[in-house]
Amino acid sequence: HEMTTKKVDGFSKALRAAEEEFLRKAEELGGQNAQILGRQGEFDQMVKEFEGSLRKCEELLTSNNQKIAREVDLKLDRAAEVTAERAGVKMQDLREGLDQVKESLTH
């Protein structure tokens, strides 16, 4: 009977020690879990900020591309005008030259 009581006491102590160890580990894991969740929150925030930055970059690129396209259109229009002016001047010179030739031939 005394032997049984010692065994039960020993078993109870071992059980209590195991329970305490389990609770300590659970608390430790809970702390790690809280840290992980905290880091997950930080990471989510970083992802949101990065996505926001990407959107801003896309908007800037789009507006810059539109601005460049407008500038190119204006430059092309101006080049076309200048070319037309130069061509017009040359046509005028040719007409005047032809008129002079006609006049010299008829006189």
PDB file of N, CA and C in Angstrom:
ATOM      1  N   HIS A   1       0.845  -1.211   0.000  1.00  0.00           N
ATOM      2  CA  HIS A   1       0.000   0.000   0.000  1.00  0.00           C
ATOM      3  C   HIS A   1       0.869   1.246   0.000  1.00  0.00           C
ATOM      4  N   GLU A   2       1.891   1.249   0.832  1.00  0.00           N
ATOM      5  CA  GLU A   2       2.809   2.386   0.903  1.00  0.00           C
ATOM      6  C   GLU A   2       3.550   2.561  -0.420  1.00  0.00           C
ATOM      7  N   MET A   3       3.895   1.451  -1.042  1.00  0.00           N
ATOM      8  CA  MET A   3       4.570   1.430  -2.321  1.00  0.00           C
ATOM      9  C   MET A   3       3.672   2.073  -3.391  1.00  0.00           C
ATOM     10  N   THR A   4       2.410   1.726  -3.348  1.00  0.00           N
ATOM     11  CA  THR A   4       1.437   2.252  -4.293  1.00  0.00           C
ATOM     12  C   THR A   4       1.305   3.751  -4.106  1.00  0.00           C
ATOM     13  N   THR A   5       1.260   4.217  -2.856  1.00  0.00           N
ATOM     14  CA  THR A   5       1.140   5.651  -2.571  1.00  0.00           C
ATOM     15  C   THR A   5       2.346   6.399  -3.111  1.00  0.00           C
ATOM     16  N   LYS A   6       3.552   5.839  -2.934  1.00  0.00           N
ATOM     17  CA  LYS A   6       4.765   6.472  -3.452  1.00  0.00           C
ATOM     18  C   LYS A   6       4.725   6.547  -4.983  1.00  0.00           C
ATOM     19  N   LYS A   7       4.251   5.459  -5.577  1.00  0.00           N
ATOM     20  CA  LYS A   7       4.156   5.433  -7.044  1.00  0.00           C
ATOM     21  C   LYS A   7       3.173   6.485  -7.526  1.00  0.00           C
ATOM     22  N   VAL A   8       2.027   6.580  -6.821  1.00  0.00           N
ATOM     23  CA  VAL A   8       1.003   7.564  -7.204  1.00  0.00           C
ATOM     24  C   VAL A   8       1.554   8.968  -7.033  1.00  0.00           C
ATOM     25  N   ASP A   9       2.251   9.206  -5.891  1.00  0.00           N
ATOM     26  CA  ASP A   9       2.860  10.523  -5.654  1.00  0.00           C
ATOM     27  C   ASP A   9       3.867  10.849  -6.755  1.00  0.00           C
ATOM     28  N   GLY A  10       4.714   9.891  -7.051  1.00  0.00           N
ATOM     29  CA  GLY A  10       5.722  10.073  -8.110  1.00  0.00           C
ATOM     30  C   GLY A  10       5.066  10.363  -9.457  1.00  0.00           C
ATOM     31  N   PHE A  11       4.017   9.607  -9.723  1.00  0.00           N
ATOM     32  CA  PHE A  11       3.279   9.784 -10.980  1.00  0.00           C
ATOM     33  C   PHE A  11       2.626  11.160 -11.013  1.00  0.00           C
ATOM     34  N   SER A  12       2.029  11.569  -9.861  1.00  0.00           N
ATOM     35  CA  SER A  12       1.382  12.892  -9.764  1.00  0.00           C
ATOM     36  C   SER A  12       2.399  14.007  -9.979  1.00  0.00           C
ATOM     37  N   LYS A  13       3.576  13.863  -9.347  1.00  0.00           N
ATOM     38  CA  LYS A  13       4.620  14.883  -9.524  1.00  0.00           C
ATOM     39  C   LYS A  13       5.060  14.954 -10.987  1.00  0.00           C
ATOM     40  N   ALA A  14       5.241  13.804 -11.586  1.00  0.00           N
ATOM     41  CA  ALA A  14       5.664  13.756 -12.991  1.00  0.00           C
ATOM     42  C   ALA A  14       4.596  14.385 -13.882  1.00  0.00           C
ATOM     43  N   LEU A  15       3.330  14.105 -13.555  1.00  0.00           N
ATOM     44  CA  LEU A  15       2.207  14.660 -14.311  1.00  0.00           C
ATOM     45  C   LEU A  15       2.175  16.183 -14.174  1.00  0.00           C
ATOM     46  N   ARG A  16       2.342  16.661 -12.909  1.00  0.00           N
ATOM     47  CA  ARG A  16       2.347  18.107 -12.665  1.00  0.00           C
ATOM     48  C   ARG A  16       3.509  18.771 -13.415  1.00  0.00           C
ATOM     49  N   ALA A  17       4.678  18.144 -13.355  1.00  0.00           N
ATOM     50  CA  ALA A  17       5.859  18.681 -14.050  1.00  0.00           C
ATOM     51  C   ALA A  17       5.598  18.742 -15.555  1.00  0.00           C
ATOM     52  N   ALA A  18       5.003  17.689 -16.089  1.00  0.00           N
ATOM     53  CA  ALA A  18       4.686  17.644 -17.514  1.00  0.00           C
ATOM     54  C   ALA A  18       3.667  18.730 -17.868  1.00  0.00           C
ATOM     55  N   GLU A  19       2.673  18.908 -16.996  1.00  0.00           N
ATOM     56  CA  GLU A  19       1.641  19.927 -17.219  1.00  0.00           C
ATOM     57  C   GLU A  19       2.267  21.327 -17.199  1.00  0.00           C
ATOM     58  N   GLU A  20       3.156  21.569 -16.215  1.00  0.00           N
ATOM     59  CA  GLU A  20       3.829  22.868 -16.123  1.00  0.00           C
ATOM     60  C   GLU A  20       4.684  23.116 -17.370  1.00  0.00           C
ATOM     61  N   GLU A  21       5.390  22.083 -17.794  1.00  0.00           N
ATOM     62  CA  GLU A  21       6.223  22.189 -18.998  1.00  0.00           C
ATOM     63  C   GLU A  21       5.347  22.486 -20.224  1.00  0.00           C
ATOM     64  N   PHE A  22       4.212  21.800 -20.295  1.00  0.00           N
ATOM     65  CA  PHE A  22       3.273  22.006 -21.395  1.00  0.00           C
ATOM     66  C   PHE A  22       2.763  23.452 -21.392  1.00  0.00           C
ATOM     67  N   LEU A  23       2.371  23.949 -20.221  1.00  0.00           N
ATOM     68  CA  LEU A  23       1.858  25.320 -20.109  1.00  0.00           C
ATOM     69  C   LEU A  23       2.944  26.342 -20.465  1.00  0.00           C
ATOM     70  N   ARG A  24       4.172  26.066 -20.002  1.00  0.00           N
ATOM     71  CA  ARG A  24       5.289  26.968 -20.315  1.00  0.00           C
ATOM     72  C   ARG A  24       5.519  27.026 -21.832  1.00  0.00           C
ATOM     73  N   LYS A  25       5.518  25.845 -22.443  1.00  0.00           N
ATOM     74  CA  LYS A  25       5.707  25.763 -23.902  1.00  0.00           C
ATOM     75  C   LYS A  25       4.559  26.462 -24.645  1.00  0.00           C
ATOM     76  N   ALA A  26       3.343  26.248 -24.152  1.00  0.00           N
ATOM     77  CA  ALA A  26       2.171  26.862 -24.783  1.00  0.00           C
ATOM     78  C   ALA A  26       2.270  28.386 -24.702  1.00  0.00           C
ATOM     79  N   GLU A  27       2.712  28.888 -23.540  1.00  0.00           N
ATOM     80  CA  GLU A  27       2.868  30.331 -23.347  1.00  0.00           C
ATOM     81  C   GLU A  27       3.949  30.878 -24.292  1.00  0.00           C
ATOM     82  N   GLU A  28       5.044  30.128 -24.379  1.00  0.00           N
ATOM     83  CA  GLU A  28       6.145  30.510 -25.264  1.00  0.00           C
ATOM     84  C   GLU A  28       5.669  30.560 -26.721  1.00  0.00           C
ATOM     85  N   LEU A  29       4.941  29.520 -27.114  1.00  0.00           N
ATOM     86  CA  LEU A  29       4.409  29.467 -28.481  1.00  0.00           C
ATOM     87  C   LEU A  29       3.402  30.581 -28.716  1.00  0.00           C
ATOM     88  N   GLY A  30       2.591  30.847 -27.695  1.00  0.00           N
ATOM     89  CA  GLY A  30       1.619  31.945 -27.811  1.00  0.00           C
ATOM     90  C   GLY A  30       2.328  33.265 -28.065  1.00  0.00           C
ATOM     91  N   GLY A  31       3.436  33.476 -27.338  1.00  0.00           N
ATOM     92  CA  GLY A  31       4.227  34.692 -27.538  1.00  0.00           C
ATOM     93  C   GLY A  31       4.804  34.758 -28.938  1.00  0.00           C
ATOM     94  N   GLN A  32       5.332  33.614 -29.399  1.00  0.00           N
ATOM     95  CA  GLN A  32       5.893  33.561 -30.758  1.00  0.00           C
ATOM     96  C   GLN A  32       4.791  33.809 -31.794  1.00  0.00           C
ATOM     97  N   ASN A  33       3.623  33.224 -31.520  1.00  0.00           N
ATOM     98  CA  ASN A  33       2.493  33.396 -32.429  1.00  0.00           C
ATOM     99  C   ASN A  33       2.102  34.872 -32.514  1.00  0.00           C
ATOM    100  N   ALA A  34       2.061  35.534 -31.350  1.00  0.00           N
ATOM    101  CA  ALA A  34       1.717  36.957 -31.321  1.00  0.00           C
ATOM    102  C   ALA A  34       2.753  37.757 -32.130  1.00  0.00           C
ATOM    103  N   GLN A  35       4.040  37.375 -31.976  1.00  0.00           N
ATOM    104  CA  GLN A  35       5.105  38.038 -32.732  1.00  0.00           C
ATOM    105  C   GLN A  35       4.910  37.833 -34.230  1.00  0.00           C
ATOM    106  N   ILE A  36       4.603  36.595 -34.593  1.00  0.00           N
ATOM    107  CA  ILE A  36       4.397  36.260 -36.012  1.00  0.00           C
ATOM    108  C   ILE A  36       3.215  37.060 -36.562  1.00  0.00           C
ATOM    109  N   LEU A  37       2.120  37.112 -35.783  1.00  0.00           N
ATOM    110  CA  LEU A  37       0.952  37.868 -36.239  1.00  0.00           C
ATOM    111  C   LEU A  37       1.289  39.347 -36.369  1.00  0.00           C
ATOM    112  N   GLY A  38       2.086  39.859 -35.429  1.00  0.00           N
ATOM    113  CA  GLY A  38       2.519  41.252 -35.495  1.00  0.00           C
ATOM    114  C   GLY A  38       3.333  41.510 -36.746  1.00  0.00           C
ATOM    115  N   ARG A  39       4.249  40.581 -37.027  1.00  0.00           N
ATOM    116  CA  ARG A  39       5.076  40.719 -38.227  1.00  0.00           C
ATOM    117  C   ARG A  39       4.224  40.602 -39.482  1.00  0.00           C
ATOM    118  N   GLN A  40       3.228  39.728 -39.421  1.00  0.00           N
ATOM    119  CA  GLN A  40       2.318  39.566 -40.568  1.00  0.00           C
ATOM    120  C   GLN A  40       1.609  40.890 -40.832  1.00  0.00           C
ATOM    121  N   GLY A  41       1.187  41.549 -39.743  1.00  0.00           N
ATOM    122  CA  GLY A  41       0.542  42.865 -39.879  1.00  0.00           C
ATOM    123  C   GLY A  41       1.485  43.878 -40.513  1.00  0.00           C
ATOM    124  N   GLU A  42       2.743  43.892 -40.054  1.00  0.00           N
ATOM    125  CA  GLU A  42       3.746  44.806 -40.623  1.00  0.00           C
ATOM    126  C   GLU A  42       3.943  44.499 -42.108  1.00  0.00           C
ATOM    127  N   PHE A  43       4.035  43.205 -42.414  1.00  0.00           N
ATOM    128  CA  PHE A  43       4.245  42.776 -43.795  1.00  0.00           C
ATOM    129  C   PHE A  43       3.065  43.208 -44.673  1.00  0.00           C
ATOM    130  N   ASP A  44       1.833  42.983 -44.173  1.00  0.00           N
ATOM    131  CA  ASP A  44       0.641  43.394 -44.920  1.00  0.00           C
ATOM    132  C   ASP A  44       0.681  44.893 -45.198  1.00  0.00           C
ATOM    133  N   GLN A  45       1.096  45.667 -44.185  1.00  0.00           N
ATOM    134  CA  GLN A  45       1.187  47.121 -44.333  1.00  0.00           C
ATOM    135  C   GLN A  45       2.222  47.482 -45.405  1.00  0.00           C
ATOM    136  N   MET A  46       3.363  46.781 -45.376  1.00  0.00           N
ATOM    137  CA  MET A  46       4.398  47.042 -46.370  1.00  0.00           C
ATOM    138  C   MET A  46       3.887  46.720 -47.777  1.00  0.00           C
ATOM    139  N   VAL A  47       3.151  45.622 -47.889  1.00  0.00           N
ATOM    140  CA  VAL A  47       2.601  45.239 -49.191  1.00  0.00           C
ATOM    141  C   VAL A  47       1.634  46.314 -49.686  1.00  0.00           C
ATOM    142  N   LYS A  48       0.765  46.806 -48.775  1.00  0.00           N
ATOM    143  CA  LYS A  48      -0.180  47.872 -49.150  1.00  0.00           C
ATOM    144  C   LYS A  48       0.566  49.113 -49.615  1.00  0.00           C
ATOM    145  N   GLU A  49       1.609  49.498 -48.866  1.00  0.00           N
ATOM    146  CA  GLU A  49       2.395  50.686 -49.243  1.00  0.00           C
ATOM    147  C   GLU A  49       3.063  50.478 -50.596  1.00  0.00           C
ATOM    148  N   PHE A  50       3.595  49.265 -50.804  1.00  0.00           N
ATOM    149  CA  PHE A  50       4.261  48.960 -52.074  1.00  0.00           C
ATOM    150  C   PHE A  50       3.256  49.027 -53.227  1.00  0.00           C
ATOM    151  N   GLU A  51       2.064  48.454 -53.003  1.00  0.00           N
ATOM    152  CA  GLU A  51       1.032  48.503 -54.042  1.00  0.00           C
ATOM    153  C   GLU A  51       0.639  49.942 -54.338  1.00  0.00           C
ATOM    154  N   GLY A  52       0.542  50.752 -53.280  1.00  0.00           N
ATOM    155  CA  GLY A  52       0.235  52.178 -53.460  1.00  0.00           C
ATOM    156  C   GLY A  52       1.312  52.865 -54.284  1.00  0.00           C
ATOM    157  N   SER A  53       2.579  52.570 -53.984  1.00  0.00           N
ATOM    158  CA  SER A  53       3.695  53.156 -54.735  1.00  0.00           C
ATOM    159  C   SER A  53       3.640  52.719 -56.197  1.00  0.00           C
ATOM    160  N   LEU A  54       3.320  51.440 -56.412  1.00  0.00           N
ATOM    161  CA  LEU A  54       3.212  50.945 -57.787  1.00  0.00           C
ATOM    162  C   LEU A  54       2.125  51.692 -58.554  1.00  0.00           C
ATOM    163  N   ARG A  55       0.969  51.885 -57.884  1.00  0.00           N
ATOM    164  CA  ARG A  55      -0.128  52.613 -58.531  1.00  0.00           C
ATOM    165  C   ARG A  55       0.312  54.030 -58.887  1.00  0.00           C
ATOM    166  N   LYS A  56       1.018  54.697 -57.963  1.00  0.00           N
ATOM    167  CA  LYS A  56       1.500  56.062 -58.233  1.00  0.00           C
ATOM    168  C   LYS A  56       2.454  56.057 -59.424  1.00  0.00           C
ATOM    169  N   CYS A  57       3.351  55.058 -59.472  1.00  0.00           N
ATOM    170  CA  CYS A  57       4.288  54.956 -60.595  1.00  0.00           C
ATOM    171  C   CYS A  57       3.535  54.771 -61.904  1.00  0.00           C
ATOM    172  N   GLU A  58       2.527  53.892 -61.885  1.00  0.00           N
ATOM    173  CA  GLU A  58       1.728  53.655 -63.102  1.00  0.00           C
ATOM    174  C   GLU A  58       1.034  54.938 -63.540  1.00  0.00           C
ATOM    175  N   GLU A  59       0.468  55.684 -62.567  1.00  0.00           N
ATOM    176  CA  GLU A  59      -0.212  56.942 -62.894  1.00  0.00           C
ATOM    177  C   GLU A  59       0.767  57.940 -63.487  1.00  0.00           C
ATOM    178  N   LEU A  60       1.962  58.034 -62.863  1.00  0.00           N
ATOM    179  CA  LEU A  60       2.984  58.961 -63.374  1.00  0.00           C
ATOM    180  C   LEU A  60       3.404  58.584 -64.784  1.00  0.00           C
ATOM    181  N   LEU A  61       3.652  57.280 -64.985  1.00  0.00           N
ATOM    182  CA  LEU A  61       4.052  56.816 -66.315  1.00  0.00           C
ATOM    183  C   LEU A  61       2.985  57.140 -67.348  1.00  0.00           C
ATOM    184  N   THR A  62       1.734  56.859 -66.987  1.00  0.00           N
ATOM    185  CA  THR A  62       0.626  57.120 -67.906  1.00  0.00           C
ATOM    186  C   THR A  62       0.556  58.597 -68.248  1.00  0.00           C
ATOM    187  N   SER A  63       0.614  59.452 -67.211  1.00  0.00           N
ATOM    188  CA  SER A  63       0.505  60.888 -67.479  1.00  0.00           C
ATOM    189  C   SER A  63       1.732  61.383 -68.245  1.00  0.00           C
ATOM    190  N   ASN A  64       2.931  60.854 -67.914  1.00  0.00           N
ATOM    191  CA  ASN A  64       4.136  61.242 -68.660  1.00  0.00           C
ATOM    192  C   ASN A  64       4.033  60.803 -70.110  1.00  0.00           C
ATOM    193  N   ASN A  65       3.550  59.571 -70.326  1.00  0.00           N
ATOM    194  CA  ASN A  65       3.398  59.076 -71.697  1.00  0.00           C
ATOM    195  C   ASN A  65       2.426  59.947 -72.481  1.00  0.00           C
ATOM    196  N   GLN A  66       1.324  60.346 -71.819  1.00  0.00           N
ATOM    197  CA  GLN A  66       0.344  61.206 -72.489  1.00  0.00           C
ATOM    198  C   GLN A  66       0.970  62.561 -72.814  1.00  0.00           C
ATOM    199  N   LYS A  67       1.748  63.091 -71.848  1.00  0.00           N
ATOM    200  CA  LYS A  67       2.405  64.383 -72.044  1.00  0.00           C
ATOM    201  C   LYS A  67       3.397  64.292 -73.205  1.00  0.00           C
ATOM    202  N   ILE A  68       4.194  63.224 -73.209  1.00  0.00           N
ATOM    203  CA  ILE A  68       5.179  63.030 -74.283  1.00  0.00           C
ATOM    204  C   ILE A  68       4.462  62.891 -75.625  1.00  0.00           C
ATOM    205  N   ALA A  69       3.358  62.120 -75.625  1.00  0.00           N
ATOM    206  CA  ALA A  69       2.601  61.933 -76.870  1.00  0.00           C
ATOM    207  C   ALA A  69       2.084  63.286 -77.375  1.00  0.00           C
ATOM    208  N   ARG A  70       1.585  64.124 -76.461  1.00  0.00           N
ATOM    209  CA  ARG A  70       1.104  65.461 -76.858  1.00  0.00           C
ATOM    210  C   ARG A  70       2.250  66.300 -77.428  1.00  0.00           C
ATOM    211  N   GLU A  71       3.412  66.260 -76.743  1.00  0.00           N
ATOM    212  CA  GLU A  71       4.572  67.032 -77.205  1.00  0.00           C
ATOM    213  C   GLU A  71       5.018  66.549 -78.583  1.00  0.00           C
ATOM    214  N   VAL A  72       5.043  65.222 -78.764  1.00  0.00           N
ATOM    215  CA  VAL A  72       5.446  64.662 -80.060  1.00  0.00           C
ATOM    216  C   VAL A  72       4.454  65.100 -81.134  1.00  0.00           C
ATOM    217  N   ASP A  73       3.147  65.047 -80.814  1.00  0.00           N
ATOM    218  CA  ASP A  73       2.129  65.486 -81.776  1.00  0.00           C
ATOM    219  C   ASP A  73       2.355  66.939 -82.165  1.00  0.00           C
ATOM    220  N   LEU A  74       2.605  67.802 -81.145  1.00  0.00           N
ATOM    221  CA  LEU A  74       2.841  69.224 -81.421  1.00  0.00           C
ATOM    222  C   LEU A  74       4.075  69.414 -82.301  1.00  0.00           C
ATOM    223  N   LYS A  75       5.143  68.661 -81.971  1.00  0.00           N
ATOM    224  CA  LYS A  75       6.377  68.784 -82.758  1.00  0.00           C
ATOM    225  C   LYS A  75       6.154  68.299 -84.184  1.00  0.00           C
ATOM    226  N   LEU A  76       5.401  67.207 -84.331  1.00  0.00           N
ATOM    227  CA  LEU A  76       5.109  66.692 -85.679  1.00  0.00           C
ATOM    228  C   LEU A  76       4.271  67.703 -86.461  1.00  0.00           C
ATOM    229  N   ASP A  77       3.264  68.276 -85.759  1.00  0.00           N
ATOM    230  CA  ASP A  77       2.433  69.292 -86.419  1.00  0.00           C
ATOM    231  C   ASP A  77       3.292  70.468 -86.883  1.00  0.00           C
ATOM    232  N   ARG A  78       4.192  70.916 -85.981  1.00  0.00           N
ATOM    233  CA  ARG A  78       5.063  72.059 -86.300  1.00  0.00           C
ATOM    234  C   ARG A  78       5.996  71.692 -87.463  1.00  0.00           C
ATOM    235  N   ALA A  79       6.535  70.489 -87.418  1.00  0.00           N
ATOM    236  CA  ALA A  79       7.432  70.047 -88.492  1.00  0.00           C
ATOM    237  C   ALA A  79       6.676  70.003 -89.817  1.00  0.00           C
ATOM    238  N   ALA A  80       5.441  69.534 -89.758  1.00  0.00           N
ATOM    239  CA  ALA A  80       4.629  69.480 -90.976  1.00  0.00           C
ATOM    240  C   ALA A  80       4.373  70.887 -91.493  1.00  0.00           C
ATOM    241  N   GLU A  81       4.079  71.826 -90.588  1.00  0.00           N
ATOM    242  CA  GLU A  81       3.850  73.222 -90.991  1.00  0.00           C
ATOM    243  C   GLU A  81       5.109  73.800 -91.629  1.00  0.00           C
ATOM    244  N   VAL A  82       6.248  73.595 -90.955  1.00  0.00           N
ATOM    245  CA  VAL A  82       7.522  74.125 -91.462  1.00  0.00           C
ATOM    246  C   VAL A  82       7.826  73.527 -92.831  1.00  0.00           C
ATOM    247  N   THR A  83       7.635  72.210 -92.949  1.00  0.00           N
ATOM    248  CA  THR A  83       7.882  71.540 -94.224  1.00  0.00           C
ATOM    249  C   THR A  83       6.968  72.122 -95.300  1.00  0.00           C
ATOM    250  N   ALA A  84       5.705  72.309 -94.933  1.00  0.00           N
ATOM    251  CA  ALA A  84       4.746  72.868 -95.894  1.00  0.00           C
ATOM    252  C   ALA A  84       5.151  74.290 -96.282  1.00  0.00           C
ATOM    253  N   GLU A  85       5.592  75.083 -95.275  1.00  0.00           N
ATOM    254  CA  GLU A  85       6.020  76.456 -95.567  1.00  0.00           C
ATOM    255  C   GLU A  85       7.199  76.434 -96.532  1.00  0.00           C
ATOM    256  N   ARG A  86       8.191  75.575 -96.215  1.00  0.00           N
ATOM    257  CA  ARG A  86       9.386  75.500 -97.058  1.00  0.00           C
ATOM    258  C   ARG A  86       9.008  75.028 -98.464  1.00  0.00           C
ATOM    259  N   ALA A  87       8.145  74.001 -98.495  1.00  0.00           N
ATOM    260  CA  ALA A  87       7.706  73.477 -99.792  1.00  0.00           C
ATOM    261  C   ALA A  87       6.947  74.563-100.542  1.00  0.00           C
ATOM    262  N   GLY A  88       6.112  75.319 -99.798  1.00  0.00           N
ATOM    263  CA  GLY A  88       5.349  76.416-100.417  1.00  0.00           C
ATOM    264  C   GLY A  88       6.275  77.456-101.012  1.00  0.00           C
ATOM    265  N   VAL A  89       7.327  77.795-100.256  1.00  0.00           N
ATOM    266  CA  VAL A  89       8.295  78.779-100.739  1.00  0.00           C
ATOM    267  C   VAL A  89       8.961  78.241-101.999  1.00  0.00           C
ATOM    268  N   LYS A  90       9.343  76.989-101.983  1.00  0.00           N
ATOM    269  CA  LYS A  90      10.000  76.400-103.148  1.00  0.00           C
ATOM    270  C   LYS A  90       9.054  76.386-104.344  1.00  0.00           C
ATOM    271  N   MET A  91       7.780  76.048-104.089  1.00  0.00           N
ATOM    272  CA  MET A  91       6.798  76.043-105.176  1.00  0.00           C
ATOM    273  C   MET A  91       6.667  77.461-105.743  1.00  0.00           C
ATOM    274  N   GLN A  92       6.655  78.432-104.837  1.00  0.00           N
ATOM    275  CA  GLN A  92       6.550  79.836-105.265  1.00  0.00           C
ATOM    276  C   GLN A  92       7.751  80.213-106.142  1.00  0.00           C
ATOM    277  N   ASP A  93       8.940  79.809-105.650  1.00  0.00           N
ATOM    278  CA  ASP A  93      10.158  80.096-106.426  1.00  0.00           C
ATOM    279  C   ASP A  93      10.070  79.447-107.802  1.00  0.00           C
ATOM    280  N   LEU A  94       9.589  78.177-107.829  1.00  0.00           N
ATOM    281  CA  LEU A  94       9.462  77.465-109.106  1.00  0.00           C
ATOM    282  C   LEU A  94       8.484  78.176-110.029  1.00  0.00           C
ATOM    283  N   ARG A  95       7.349  78.608-109.468  1.00  0.00           N
ATOM    284  CA  ARG A  95       6.343  79.306-110.288  1.00  0.00           C
ATOM    285  C   ARG A  95       6.935  80.589-110.875  1.00  0.00           C
ATOM    286  N   GLU A  96       7.622  81.333-109.998  1.00  0.00           N
ATOM    287  CA  GLU A  96       8.214  82.594-110.470  1.00  0.00           C
ATOM    288  C   GLU A  96       9.247  82.309-111.558  1.00  0.00           C
ATOM    289  N   GLY A  97      10.047  81.259-111.304  1.00  0.00           N
ATOM    290  CA  GLY A  97      11.055  80.896-112.313  1.00  0.00           C
ATOM    291  C   GLY A  97      10.401  80.503-113.625  1.00  0.00           C
ATOM    292  N   LEU A  98       9.327  79.719-113.546  1.00  0.00           N
ATOM    293  CA  LEU A  98       8.614  79.292-114.760  1.00  0.00           C
ATOM    294  C   LEU A  98       8.000  80.488-115.471  1.00  0.00           C
ATOM    295  N   ASP A  99       7.422  81.388-114.669  1.00  0.00           N
ATOM    296  CA  ASP A  99       6.837  82.599-115.271  1.00  0.00           C
ATOM    297  C   ASP A  99       7.897  83.397-116.021  1.00  0.00           C
ATOM    298  N   GLN A 100       9.083  83.515-115.433  1.00  0.00           N
ATOM    299  CA  GLN A 100      10.179  84.257-116.078  1.00  0.00           C
ATOM    300  C   GLN A 100      10.575  83.565-117.381  1.00  0.00           C
ATOM    301  N   VAL A 101      10.658  82.228-117.318  1.00  0.00           N
ATOM    302  CA  VAL A 101      11.004  81.488-118.536  1.00  0.00           C
ATOM    303  C   VAL A 101       9.951  81.713-119.608  1.00  0.00           C
ATOM    304  N   LYS A 102       8.639  81.641-119.222  1.00  0.00           N
ATOM    305  CA  LYS A 102       7.565  81.859-120.193  1.00  0.00           C
ATOM    306  C   LYS A 102       7.658  83.248-120.795  1.00  0.00           C
ATOM    307  N   GLU A 103       7.892  84.225-119.928  1.00  0.00           N
ATOM    308  CA  GLU A 103       7.983  85.603-120.400  1.00  0.00           C
ATOM    309  C   GLU A 103       9.131  85.771-121.395  1.00  0.00           C
ATOM    310  N   SER A 104      10.270  85.177-121.049  1.00  0.00           N
ATOM    311  CA  SER A 104      11.440  85.321-121.941  1.00  0.00           C
ATOM    312  C   SER A 104      11.194  84.603-123.256  1.00  0.00           C
ATOM    313  N   LEU A 105      10.419  83.545-123.226  1.00  0.00           N
ATOM    314  CA  LEU A 105      10.131  82.817-124.466  1.00  0.00           C
ATOM    315  C   LEU A 105       9.125  83.553-125.327  1.00  0.00           C
ATOM    316  N   THR A 106       8.164  84.219-124.666  1.00  0.00           N
ATOM    317  CA  THR A 106       7.129  84.914-125.452  1.00  0.00           C
ATOM    318  C   THR A 106       7.606  86.271-125.925  1.00  0.00           C
ATOM    319  N   HIS A 107       8.663  86.809-125.311  1.00  0.00           N
ATOM    320  CA  HIS A 107       9.090  88.146-125.767  1.00  0.00           C
ATOM    321  C   HIS A 107      10.257  88.063-126.701  1.00  0.00           C
TER     322      HIS A 107
END
